[in-house]
Amino acid sequence: MKRAELKNVVKKITTKYGKARIYLDLDGTAAKWRTDQELKELYPDKTVDEILRMEDYFLKLPEAPYLQKLKEVKDAYPETEVIVLSNYLTDGNAIDQKIKWCEEHIPYADEQIYVSYGQDKAAAALRHARLNKFPENVIILNDHTKNCRDALGRSLGLVIKVLNGVNGTSGNWKGLVDFA
């Protein structure tokens, strides 16, 4: 793994290409990830599945520490585009909750793209943008190795796995990382 500090990466891309475009994952990257154990402690009378489908589950999630780094980057490089790219559970109101959460915590997001859970987020974002590959000025931030790998094969830009204190324990990701 090689460390990639977000602000330095955005500075280099902005210098070379005029602006950076960041695809930002929510769960575990912008919003704090809660382990099954934490969820069971917070809601002892519910199953994890029930908790994730609660009407206000996502709305109550605190910001992940990494979001502060993104805010600092956006302040330093206001031309940077931020596009939220997140999975959602298809039963329930997860999309509505995530949209509201982003309005409160990431008001500077230029766009939000939601993909049903289990679907390839990188492929969906490329279809949305009508591209075959992410261009060189793109940075993809995600905390899940599978999503990083899916994006890596489709990107001329950078894919950075965000280590959030819960993930990154198996050592399967050998690419770029940044720490929350």
C-alpha atoms as a PDB file:
ATOM      1  CA  MET A   1       0.000   0.000   0.000  1.00  0.00           C
ATOM      2  CA  LYS A   2       1.131   3.488  -0.779  1.00  0.00           C
ATOM      3  CA  ARG A   3      -0.129   6.552   1.078  1.00  0.00           C
ATOM      4  CA  ALA A   4      -1.967   9.178  -0.972  1.00  0.00           C
ATOM      5  CA  GLU A   5      -2.824  12.306   1.047  1.00  0.00           C
ATOM      6  CA  LEU A   6      -6.007  13.736  -0.514  1.00  0.00           C
ATOM      7  CA  LYS A   7      -5.013  17.405  -0.446  1.00  0.00           C
ATOM      8  CA  ASN A   8      -1.666  16.714  -2.151  1.00  0.00           C
ATOM      9  CA  VAL A   9      -3.312  14.535  -4.802  1.00  0.00           C
ATOM     10  CA  VAL A  10      -5.926  17.202  -5.581  1.00  0.00           C
ATOM     11  CA  LYS A  11      -3.207  19.876  -5.780  1.00  0.00           C
ATOM     12  CA  LYS A  12      -1.259  17.829  -8.357  1.00  0.00           C
ATOM     13  CA  ILE A  13      -4.344  17.049 -10.433  1.00  0.00           C
ATOM     14  CA  THR A  14      -5.559  20.652 -10.324  1.00  0.00           C
ATOM     15  CA  THR A  15      -2.149  21.907 -11.419  1.00  0.00           C
ATOM     16  CA  LYS A  16      -2.010  19.461 -14.317  1.00  0.00           C
ATOM     17  CA  TYR A  17      -5.667  19.313 -15.478  1.00  0.00           C
ATOM     18  CA  GLY A  18      -7.314  22.487 -14.142  1.00  0.00           C
ATOM     19  CA  LYS A  19      -9.579  20.738 -11.649  1.00  0.00           C
ATOM     20  CA  ALA A  20     -10.143  17.438  -9.926  1.00  0.00           C
ATOM     21  CA  ARG A  21     -13.362  15.421  -9.882  1.00  0.00           C
ATOM     22  CA  ILE A  22     -13.889  13.317  -6.757  1.00  0.00           C
ATOM     23  CA  TYR A  23     -16.309  10.393  -6.603  1.00  0.00           C
ATOM     24  CA  LEU A  24     -17.105  10.035  -2.904  1.00  0.00           C
ATOM     25  CA  ASP A  25     -18.529   6.960  -1.230  1.00  0.00           C
ATOM     26  CA  LEU A  26     -20.822   7.621   1.737  1.00  0.00           C
ATOM     27  CA  ASP A  27     -20.973   4.553   4.003  1.00  0.00           C
ATOM     28  CA  GLY A  28     -17.644   4.303   5.814  1.00  0.00           C
ATOM     29  CA  THR A  29     -15.983   7.130   3.881  1.00  0.00           C
ATOM     30  CA  ALA A  30     -18.115  10.274   4.392  1.00  0.00           C
ATOM     31  CA  ALA A  31     -20.483   8.829   7.015  1.00  0.00           C
ATOM     32  CA  LYS A  32     -19.183   6.843   9.978  1.00  0.00           C
ATOM     33  CA  TRP A  33     -19.328   3.088   9.504  1.00  0.00           C
ATOM     34  CA  ARG A  34     -20.824   1.166  12.401  1.00  0.00           C
ATOM     35  CA  THR A  35     -19.880  -2.457  12.926  1.00  0.00           C
ATOM     36  CA  ASP A  36     -22.540  -5.080  13.609  1.00  0.00           C
ATOM     37  CA  GLN A  37     -21.411  -5.088  17.240  1.00  0.00           C
ATOM     38  CA  GLU A  38     -21.881  -1.314  17.557  1.00  0.00           C
ATOM     39  CA  LEU A  39     -25.322  -1.554  15.960  1.00  0.00           C
ATOM     40  CA  LYS A  40     -26.410  -4.306  18.364  1.00  0.00           C
ATOM     41  CA  GLU A  41     -25.234  -2.216  21.319  1.00  0.00           C
ATOM     42  CA  LEU A  42     -27.121   0.848  20.086  1.00  0.00           C
ATOM     43  CA  TYR A  43     -30.303  -1.085  19.252  1.00  0.00           C
ATOM     44  CA  PRO A  44     -30.335  -4.262  21.376  1.00  0.00           C
ATOM     45  CA  ASP A  45     -33.951  -5.163  20.478  1.00  0.00           C
ATOM     46  CA  LYS A  46     -33.382  -5.174  16.697  1.00  0.00           C
ATOM     47  CA  THR A  47     -31.492  -7.283  14.195  1.00  0.00           C
ATOM     48  CA  VAL A  48     -28.812  -5.644  12.060  1.00  0.00           C
ATOM     49  CA  ASP A  49     -31.088  -6.024   9.033  1.00  0.00           C
ATOM     50  CA  GLU A  50     -33.911  -4.222  10.862  1.00  0.00           C
ATOM     51  CA  ILE A  51     -31.563  -1.451  11.970  1.00  0.00           C
ATOM     52  CA  LEU A  52     -30.273  -0.783   8.449  1.00  0.00           C
ATOM     53  CA  ARG A  53     -33.862  -0.432   7.238  1.00  0.00           C
ATOM     54  CA  MET A  54     -35.002   1.925  10.005  1.00  0.00           C
ATOM     55  CA  GLU A  55     -36.705   5.073   8.788  1.00  0.00           C
ATOM     56  CA  ASP A  56     -33.977   7.326  10.157  1.00  0.00           C
ATOM     57  CA  TYR A  57     -30.915   5.062  10.365  1.00  0.00           C
ATOM     58  CA  PHE A  58     -28.782   6.854   7.817  1.00  0.00           C
ATOM     59  CA  LEU A  59     -29.965  10.326   8.856  1.00  0.00           C
ATOM     60  CA  LYS A  60     -28.547   9.725  12.336  1.00  0.00           C
ATOM     61  CA  LEU A  61     -25.082   8.663  11.194  1.00  0.00           C
ATOM     62  CA  PRO A  62     -22.312  11.049  12.235  1.00  0.00           C
ATOM     63  CA  GLU A  63     -19.786  12.344   9.773  1.00  0.00           C
ATOM     64  CA  ALA A  64     -16.724  10.168   9.340  1.00  0.00           C
ATOM     65  CA  PRO A  65     -13.443  11.927  10.156  1.00  0.00           C
ATOM     66  CA  TYR A  66     -12.434  11.714   6.479  1.00  0.00           C
ATOM     67  CA  LEU A  67     -15.151  14.190   5.553  1.00  0.00           C
ATOM     68  CA  GLN A  68     -13.152  16.944   7.284  1.00  0.00           C
ATOM     69  CA  LYS A  69     -10.279  16.278   4.861  1.00  0.00           C
ATOM     70  CA  LEU A  70     -12.664  16.658   1.953  1.00  0.00           C
ATOM     71  CA  LYS A  71     -13.993  19.955   3.330  1.00  0.00           C
ATOM     72  CA  GLU A  72     -10.429  21.260   3.623  1.00  0.00           C
ATOM     73  CA  VAL A  73      -9.738  20.230   0.020  1.00  0.00           C
ATOM     74  CA  LYS A  74     -12.928  21.900  -1.196  1.00  0.00           C
ATOM     75  CA  ASP A  75     -11.983  25.105   0.684  1.00  0.00           C
ATOM     76  CA  ALA A  76      -8.476  25.100  -0.800  1.00  0.00           C
ATOM     77  CA  TYR A  77      -9.597  24.062  -4.311  1.00  0.00           C
ATOM     78  CA  PRO A  78     -13.203  25.257  -4.733  1.00  0.00           C
ATOM     79  CA  GLU A  79     -13.223  24.242  -8.402  1.00  0.00           C
ATOM     80  CA  THR A  80     -12.983  20.580  -7.333  1.00  0.00           C
ATOM     81  CA  GLU A  81     -16.127  18.685  -8.250  1.00  0.00           C
ATOM     82  CA  VAL A  82     -17.543  16.318  -5.642  1.00  0.00           C
ATOM     83  CA  ILE A  83     -19.892  13.593  -6.817  1.00  0.00           C
ATOM     84  CA  VAL A  84     -21.443  11.320  -4.226  1.00  0.00           C
ATOM     85  CA  LEU A  85     -21.458   7.695  -5.406  1.00  0.00           C
ATOM     86  CA  SER A  86     -23.243   5.399  -2.987  1.00  0.00           C
ATOM     87  CA  ASN A  87     -25.050   2.073  -2.816  1.00  0.00           C
ATOM     88  CA  TYR A  88     -28.491   1.805  -1.236  1.00  0.00           C
ATOM     89  CA  LEU A  89     -30.819  -0.906  -0.002  1.00  0.00           C
ATOM     90  CA  THR A  90     -33.747  -1.162  -2.404  1.00  0.00           C
ATOM     91  CA  ASP A  91     -36.430  -1.755   0.212  1.00  0.00           C
ATOM     92  CA  GLY A  92     -37.095   1.248   2.400  1.00  0.00           C
ATOM     93  CA  ASN A  93     -36.192   4.908   2.106  1.00  0.00           C
ATOM     94  CA  ALA A  94     -32.394   4.783   2.056  1.00  0.00           C
ATOM     95  CA  ILE A  95     -32.037   7.064  -0.970  1.00  0.00           C
ATOM     96  CA  ASP A  96     -34.199   9.771   0.588  1.00  0.00           C
ATOM     97  CA  GLN A  97     -32.217   9.554   3.819  1.00  0.00           C
ATOM     98  CA  LYS A  98     -28.883   9.725   2.007  1.00  0.00           C
ATOM     99  CA  ILE A  99     -29.986  12.722  -0.064  1.00  0.00           C
ATOM    100  CA  LYS A 100     -31.045  14.571   3.101  1.00  0.00           C
ATOM    101  CA  TRP A 101     -27.845  13.547   4.884  1.00  0.00           C
ATOM    102  CA  CYS A 102     -25.773  14.918   1.999  1.00  0.00           C
ATOM    103  CA  GLU A 103     -27.736  18.170   1.933  1.00  0.00           C
ATOM    104  CA  GLU A 104     -26.790  18.679   5.579  1.00  0.00           C
ATOM    105  CA  HIS A 105     -23.232  17.321   5.635  1.00  0.00           C
ATOM    106  CA  ILE A 106     -21.985  17.737   2.044  1.00  0.00           C
ATOM    107  CA  PRO A 107     -23.879  20.771   0.706  1.00  0.00           C
ATOM    108  CA  TYR A 108     -21.061  21.408  -1.770  1.00  0.00           C
ATOM    109  CA  ALA A 109     -21.649  18.079  -3.570  1.00  0.00           C
ATOM    110  CA  ASP A 110     -22.177  18.793  -7.247  1.00  0.00           C
ATOM    111  CA  GLU A 111     -24.129  15.624  -7.882  1.00  0.00           C
ATOM    112  CA  GLN A 112     -25.351  12.447  -6.208  1.00  0.00           C
ATOM    113  CA  ILE A 113     -25.468   9.031  -7.884  1.00  0.00           C
ATOM    114  CA  TYR A 114     -27.137   6.092  -6.140  1.00  0.00           C
ATOM    115  CA  VAL A 115     -26.731   2.476  -7.179  1.00  0.00           C
ATOM    116  CA  SER A 116     -28.679  -0.452  -5.737  1.00  0.00           C
ATOM    117  CA  TYR A 117     -26.686  -2.565  -3.307  1.00  0.00           C
ATOM    118  CA  GLY A 118     -24.664  -5.269  -5.014  1.00  0.00           C
ATOM    119  CA  GLN A 119     -24.416  -3.399  -8.308  1.00  0.00           C
ATOM    120  CA  ASP A 120     -21.088  -2.152  -9.685  1.00  0.00           C
ATOM    121  CA  LYS A 121     -20.830   1.503  -8.647  1.00  0.00           C
ATOM    122  CA  ALA A 122     -18.007   2.340 -11.045  1.00  0.00           C
ATOM    123  CA  ALA A 123     -19.915   0.945 -14.032  1.00  0.00           C
ATOM    124  CA  ALA A 124     -23.044   2.865 -13.030  1.00  0.00           C
ATOM    125  CA  ALA A 125     -21.110   6.126 -12.659  1.00  0.00           C
ATOM    126  CA  LEU A 126     -19.487   5.642 -16.055  1.00  0.00           C
ATOM    127  CA  ARG A 127     -22.890   4.982 -17.681  1.00  0.00           C
ATOM    128  CA  HIS A 128     -24.226   8.088 -15.943  1.00  0.00           C
ATOM    129  CA  ALA A 129     -21.354  10.194 -17.294  1.00  0.00           C
ATOM    130  CA  ARG A 130     -21.459   8.467 -20.719  1.00  0.00           C
ATOM    131  CA  LEU A 131     -17.803   7.469 -20.455  1.00  0.00           C
ATOM    132  CA  ASN A 132     -15.872   4.253 -21.048  1.00  0.00           C
ATOM    133  CA  LYS A 133     -13.161   5.086 -18.489  1.00  0.00           C
ATOM    134  CA  PHE A 134     -12.758   7.665 -15.752  1.00  0.00           C
ATOM    135  CA  PRO A 135     -10.396  10.389 -17.025  1.00  0.00           C
ATOM    136  CA  GLU A 136      -7.043  11.324 -15.473  1.00  0.00           C
ATOM    137  CA  ASN A 137      -8.489  14.093 -13.285  1.00  0.00           C
ATOM    138  CA  VAL A 138     -10.754  11.681 -11.375  1.00  0.00           C
ATOM    139  CA  ILE A 139     -10.195  10.496  -7.817  1.00  0.00           C
ATOM    140  CA  ILE A 140     -12.377   7.686  -6.518  1.00  0.00           C
ATOM    141  CA  LEU A 141     -12.620   7.473  -2.722  1.00  0.00           C
ATOM    142  CA  ASN A 142     -14.074   4.305  -1.217  1.00  0.00           C
ATOM    143  CA  ASP A 143     -13.546   2.196   1.890  1.00  0.00           C
ATOM    144  CA  HIS A 144     -14.454  -1.186   0.362  1.00  0.00           C
ATOM    145  CA  THR A 145     -11.808  -3.192  -1.504  1.00  0.00           C
ATOM    146  CA  LYS A 146     -14.266  -4.699  -4.012  1.00  0.00           C
ATOM    147  CA  ASN A 147     -15.487  -1.250  -5.047  1.00  0.00           C
ATOM    148  CA  CYS A 148     -11.901  -0.016  -5.333  1.00  0.00           C
ATOM    149  CA  ARG A 149     -10.971  -2.972  -7.526  1.00  0.00           C
ATOM    150  CA  ASP A 150     -14.051  -2.485  -9.727  1.00  0.00           C
ATOM    151  CA  ALA A 151     -13.081   1.160 -10.247  1.00  0.00           C
ATOM    152  CA  LEU A 152      -9.370   0.516 -10.737  1.00  0.00           C
ATOM    153  CA  GLY A 153      -9.853  -1.327 -14.014  1.00  0.00           C
ATOM    154  CA  ARG A 154     -12.007   1.482 -15.368  1.00  0.00           C
ATOM    155  CA  SER A 155      -9.975   4.496 -14.347  1.00  0.00           C
ATOM    156  CA  LEU A 156      -7.148   6.501 -15.839  1.00  0.00           C
ATOM    157  CA  GLY A 157      -7.280   8.557 -12.644  1.00  0.00           C
ATOM    158  CA  LEU A 158      -6.667   7.486  -9.047  1.00  0.00           C
ATOM    159  CA  VAL A 159      -8.509   5.034  -6.826  1.00  0.00           C
ATOM    160  CA  ILE A 160      -7.858   5.575  -3.128  1.00  0.00           C
ATOM    161  CA  LYS A 161      -9.058   3.236  -0.414  1.00  0.00           C
ATOM    162  CA  VAL A 162     -10.011   5.210   2.677  1.00  0.00           C
ATOM    163  CA  LEU A 163      -8.984   3.401   5.844  1.00  0.00           C
ATOM    164  CA  ASN A 164     -11.558   4.194   8.513  1.00  0.00           C
ATOM    165  CA  GLY A 165     -10.404   2.211  11.525  1.00  0.00           C
ATOM    166  CA  VAL A 166     -12.722  -0.717  10.767  1.00  0.00           C
ATOM    167  CA  ASN A 167     -11.555  -1.829   7.326  1.00  0.00           C
ATOM    168  CA  GLY A 168      -8.121  -2.615   5.911  1.00  0.00           C
ATOM    169  CA  THR A 169      -7.373  -5.445   8.296  1.00  0.00           C
ATOM    170  CA  SER A 170      -6.801  -8.253   5.779  1.00  0.00           C
ATOM    171  CA  GLY A 171      -4.184  -6.557   3.601  1.00  0.00           C
ATOM    172  CA  ASN A 172      -5.948  -7.447   0.338  1.00  0.00           C
ATOM    173  CA  TRP A 173      -5.695  -3.929  -1.121  1.00  0.00           C
ATOM    174  CA  LYS A 174      -2.262  -3.136  -2.499  1.00  0.00           C
ATOM    175  CA  GLY A 175      -3.132   0.214  -4.093  1.00  0.00           C
ATOM    176  CA  LEU A 176      -3.286   3.760  -2.781  1.00  0.00           C
ATOM    177  CA  VAL A 177      -4.672   4.441   0.696  1.00  0.00           C
ATOM    178  CA  ASP A 178      -5.488   7.433   2.825  1.00  0.00           C
ATOM    179  CA  PHE A 179      -6.350   7.507   6.500  1.00  0.00           C
ATOM    180  CA  ALA A 180      -9.364   9.087   8.139  1.00  0.00           C
END
